[in-house]
Amino acid sequence: MTYVMLHAVCYVQATPSLPQPQISTIPTLPQPQMPTIPNIPNMPKVSLPPLPSMPTMPTIPNFPTTLPNIAFFAPPPSK
């Protein structure tokens, strides 16, 4: 069984190289999406109603309270 485990590890190492090639293709994806923007022009009218909801943004102040939680992560590194 141990021999199989070692063989699996080698296979996993080979997989990391595969993800890299795919990443290079991602940059090309953004371009295809751009053409869809022309269809959005009709959508802007629908997006206008959501704007009134923007005032809810003041809820952002709640995020600052989450910052203190990050401090807990800092103490461990100090050790």
N, C-alpha and C. Protein backbone atom coordinates (compact mmCIF):
# COMPACT_ATOMS: atom_id res chain seq x y z
N MET A 1 0.84 -1.20 0.00
CA MET A 1 0.00 0.00 0.00
C MET A 1 0.87 1.25 0.00
N THR A 2 1.97 1.19 0.74
CA THR A 2 2.84 2.37 0.83
C THR A 2 3.37 2.74 -0.56
N TYR A 3 3.69 1.71 -1.36
CA TYR A 3 4.22 1.99 -2.69
C TYR A 3 3.20 2.80 -3.51
N VAL A 4 1.94 2.44 -3.40
CA VAL A 4 0.89 3.16 -4.12
C VAL A 4 0.83 4.61 -3.65
N MET A 5 0.97 4.82 -2.36
CA MET A 5 0.91 6.18 -1.80
C MET A 5 2.00 7.04 -2.44
N LEU A 6 3.21 6.52 -2.53
CA LEU A 6 4.32 7.29 -3.11
C LEU A 6 3.99 7.63 -4.56
N HIS A 7 3.47 6.67 -5.28
CA HIS A 7 3.14 6.91 -6.69
C HIS A 7 2.10 8.03 -6.82
N ALA A 8 1.14 8.06 -5.91
CA ALA A 8 0.10 9.08 -5.94
C ALA A 8 0.71 10.46 -5.72
N VAL A 9 1.69 10.54 -4.83
CA VAL A 9 2.33 11.83 -4.54
C VAL A 9 2.96 12.39 -5.80
N CYS A 10 3.65 11.54 -6.56
CA CYS A 10 4.30 12.00 -7.79
C CYS A 10 3.24 12.54 -8.76
N TYR A 11 2.12 11.89 -8.81
CA TYR A 11 1.07 12.32 -9.73
C TYR A 11 0.53 13.69 -9.32
N VAL A 12 0.41 13.91 -8.02
CA VAL A 12 -0.10 15.19 -7.52
C VAL A 12 0.87 16.31 -7.90
N GLN A 13 2.16 16.04 -7.82
CA GLN A 13 3.16 17.05 -8.15
C GLN A 13 3.03 17.46 -9.62
N ALA A 14 2.66 16.52 -10.46
CA ALA A 14 2.54 16.81 -11.89
C ALA A 14 1.32 17.70 -12.15
N THR A 15 0.29 17.56 -11.33
CA THR A 15 -0.93 18.34 -11.55
C THR A 15 -0.69 19.84 -11.38
N PRO A 16 0.13 20.29 -10.42
CA PRO A 16 0.36 21.74 -10.25
C PRO A 16 0.76 22.42 -11.55
N SER A 17 1.51 21.72 -12.40
CA SER A 17 1.97 22.33 -13.65
C SER A 17 0.78 22.55 -14.60
N LEU A 18 -0.22 21.70 -14.53
CA LEU A 18 -1.39 21.84 -15.40
C LEU A 18 -2.16 23.13 -15.13
N PRO A 19 -2.43 23.45 -13.87
CA PRO A 19 -3.18 24.69 -13.55
C PRO A 19 -2.53 25.93 -14.16
N GLN A 20 -1.22 25.99 -14.20
CA GLN A 20 -0.53 27.16 -14.73
C GLN A 20 -0.96 27.46 -16.18
N PRO A 21 -0.92 26.47 -17.07
CA PRO A 21 -1.34 26.71 -18.46
C PRO A 21 -2.74 27.30 -18.54
N GLN A 22 -3.64 26.82 -17.70
CA GLN A 22 -5.02 27.30 -17.73
C GLN A 22 -5.08 28.76 -17.33
N ILE A 23 -4.24 29.16 -16.38
CA ILE A 23 -4.26 30.55 -15.90
C ILE A 23 -3.96 31.50 -17.07
N SER A 24 -3.04 31.09 -17.95
CA SER A 24 -2.67 31.96 -19.06
C SER A 24 -3.88 32.16 -19.99
N THR A 25 -4.76 31.19 -20.05
CA THR A 25 -5.93 31.29 -20.92
C THR A 25 -6.98 32.22 -20.32
N ILE A 26 -6.97 32.38 -19.00
CA ILE A 26 -7.97 33.24 -18.33
C ILE A 26 -7.95 34.66 -18.91
N PRO A 27 -6.76 35.25 -19.11
CA PRO A 27 -6.71 36.62 -19.66
C PRO A 27 -7.53 36.77 -20.94
N THR A 28 -7.60 35.73 -21.75
CA THR A 28 -8.34 35.81 -23.00
C THR A 28 -9.85 35.81 -22.73
N LEU A 29 -10.28 35.21 -21.63
CA LEU A 29 -11.71 35.15 -21.31
C LEU A 29 -12.32 36.55 -21.14
N PRO A 30 -11.64 37.45 -20.42
CA PRO A 30 -12.19 38.81 -20.23
C PRO A 30 -12.61 39.45 -21.55
N GLN A 31 -11.84 39.26 -22.61
CA GLN A 31 -12.16 39.86 -23.90
C GLN A 31 -13.53 39.41 -24.41
N PRO A 32 -13.79 38.10 -24.42
CA PRO A 32 -15.11 37.62 -24.90
C PRO A 32 -16.26 38.26 -24.13
N GLN A 33 -16.08 38.49 -22.85
CA GLN A 33 -17.14 39.07 -22.03
C GLN A 33 -17.41 40.51 -22.47
N MET A 34 -16.38 41.24 -22.87
CA MET A 34 -16.54 42.63 -23.27
C MET A 34 -17.67 42.80 -24.29
N PRO A 35 -17.71 41.96 -25.33
CA PRO A 35 -18.78 42.08 -26.34
C PRO A 35 -20.17 42.07 -25.73
N THR A 36 -20.33 41.43 -24.59
CA THR A 36 -21.65 41.34 -23.96
C THR A 36 -22.08 42.71 -23.43
N ILE A 37 -21.13 43.60 -23.19
CA ILE A 37 -21.45 44.93 -22.66
C ILE A 37 -22.50 45.63 -23.55
N PRO A 38 -22.36 45.56 -24.88
CA PRO A 38 -23.35 46.21 -25.76
C PRO A 38 -24.78 45.84 -25.40
N ASN A 39 -25.01 44.62 -24.98
CA ASN A 39 -26.36 44.20 -24.60
C ASN A 39 -26.79 44.88 -23.30
N ILE A 40 -25.83 45.23 -22.47
CA ILE A 40 -26.14 45.87 -21.17
C ILE A 40 -26.82 47.24 -21.36
N PRO A 41 -26.48 48.00 -22.42
CA PRO A 41 -27.10 49.33 -22.59
C PRO A 41 -28.58 49.35 -22.26
N ASN A 42 -29.32 48.33 -22.63
CA ASN A 42 -30.74 48.29 -22.30
C ASN A 42 -30.94 48.06 -20.80
N MET A 43 -30.02 47.36 -20.18
CA MET A 43 -30.11 47.05 -18.76
C MET A 43 -29.99 48.29 -17.87
N PRO A 44 -29.17 49.27 -18.24
CA PRO A 44 -28.98 50.46 -17.38
C PRO A 44 -30.28 50.97 -16.80
N LYS A 45 -31.35 50.99 -17.58
CA LYS A 45 -32.63 51.48 -17.07
C LYS A 45 -33.05 50.66 -15.85
N VAL A 46 -32.80 49.35 -15.89
CA VAL A 46 -33.17 48.49 -14.76
C VAL A 46 -32.25 48.75 -13.57
N SER A 47 -30.98 49.09 -13.86
CA SER A 47 -30.01 49.31 -12.78
C SER A 47 -30.33 50.61 -12.02
N LEU A 48 -31.03 51.53 -12.66
CA LEU A 48 -31.35 52.81 -12.00
C LEU A 48 -32.11 52.59 -10.68
N PRO A 49 -33.14 51.77 -10.65
CA PRO A 49 -33.88 51.53 -9.39
C PRO A 49 -32.96 51.09 -8.25
N PRO A 50 -32.02 50.18 -8.50
CA PRO A 50 -31.10 49.72 -7.44
C PRO A 50 -30.35 50.89 -6.80
N LEU A 51 -30.05 51.93 -7.57
CA LEU A 51 -29.29 53.07 -7.04
C LEU A 51 -29.89 53.55 -5.71
N PRO A 52 -31.20 53.74 -5.61
CA PRO A 52 -31.80 54.18 -4.33
C PRO A 52 -31.36 53.29 -3.18
N SER A 53 -31.12 52.01 -3.45
CA SER A 53 -30.69 51.09 -2.39
C SER A 53 -29.29 51.46 -1.90
N MET A 54 -28.52 52.11 -2.74
CA MET A 54 -27.15 52.47 -2.38
C MET A 54 -27.08 53.10 -0.98
N PRO A 55 -28.02 53.94 -0.59
CA PRO A 55 -27.98 54.56 0.75
C PRO A 55 -27.73 53.53 1.85
N THR A 56 -28.04 52.28 1.58
CA THR A 56 -27.81 51.24 2.59
C THR A 56 -26.30 51.07 2.82
N MET A 57 -25.49 51.59 1.93
CA MET A 57 -24.04 51.48 2.06
C MET A 57 -23.57 51.85 3.47
N PRO A 58 -24.19 52.81 4.15
CA PRO A 58 -23.76 53.18 5.51
C PRO A 58 -23.54 51.96 6.40
N THR A 59 -24.07 50.82 5.99
CA THR A 59 -23.86 49.61 6.79
C THR A 59 -22.38 49.23 6.78
N ILE A 60 -21.63 49.78 5.85
CA ILE A 60 -20.19 49.47 5.77
C ILE A 60 -19.51 49.67 7.13
N PRO A 61 -19.88 50.69 7.90
CA PRO A 61 -19.25 50.89 9.22
C PRO A 61 -19.16 49.60 10.03
N ASN A 62 -20.04 48.66 9.76
CA ASN A 62 -19.99 47.39 10.50
C ASN A 62 -18.71 46.62 10.15
N PHE A 63 -18.22 46.78 8.94
CA PHE A 63 -17.01 46.06 8.54
C PHE A 63 -15.83 46.41 9.45
N PRO A 64 -15.62 47.69 9.76
CA PRO A 64 -14.51 48.08 10.65
C PRO A 64 -14.49 47.23 11.91
N THR A 65 -15.63 46.85 12.42
CA THR A 65 -15.68 46.05 13.64
C THR A 65 -15.04 44.68 13.39
N THR A 66 -15.06 44.22 12.13
CA THR A 66 -14.45 42.92 11.84
C THR A 66 -12.93 43.04 11.86
N LEU A 67 -12.39 44.22 11.65
CA LEU A 67 -10.94 44.41 11.64
C LEU A 67 -10.32 43.91 12.95
N PRO A 68 -10.90 44.22 14.10
CA PRO A 68 -10.35 43.74 15.39
C PRO A 68 -10.11 42.24 15.37
N ASN A 69 -10.97 41.49 14.70
CA ASN A 69 -10.79 40.03 14.64
C ASN A 69 -9.45 39.70 14.00
N ILE A 70 -9.04 40.48 13.03
CA ILE A 70 -7.76 40.23 12.35
C ILE A 70 -6.62 40.31 13.36
N ALA A 71 -6.75 41.20 14.36
CA ALA A 71 -5.70 41.36 15.37
C ALA A 71 -5.41 40.02 16.03
N PHE A 72 -6.42 39.18 16.23
CA PHE A 72 -6.21 37.88 16.87
C PHE A 72 -5.21 37.05 16.06
N PHE A 73 -5.24 37.19 14.75
CA PHE A 73 -4.30 36.43 13.93
C PHE A 73 -2.88 36.94 14.12
N ALA A 74 -2.72 38.23 14.41
CA ALA A 74 -1.39 38.81 14.55
C ALA A 74 -0.65 38.25 15.76
N PRO A 75 -1.28 38.13 16.93
CA PRO A 75 -0.58 37.64 18.14
C PRO A 75 0.14 36.30 17.93
N PRO A 76 -0.50 35.30 17.31
CA PRO A 76 0.19 34.00 17.12
C PRO A 76 1.53 34.16 16.42
N PRO A 77 1.60 34.92 15.31
CA PRO A 77 2.89 35.11 14.62
C PRO A 77 3.95 35.67 15.55
N SER A 78 3.56 36.57 16.48
CA SER A 78 4.55 37.20 17.37
C SER A 78 5.29 36.14 18.17
N LYS A 79 4.60 35.03 18.46
CA LYS A 79 5.27 33.97 19.23
C LYS A 79 6.50 33.48 18.45
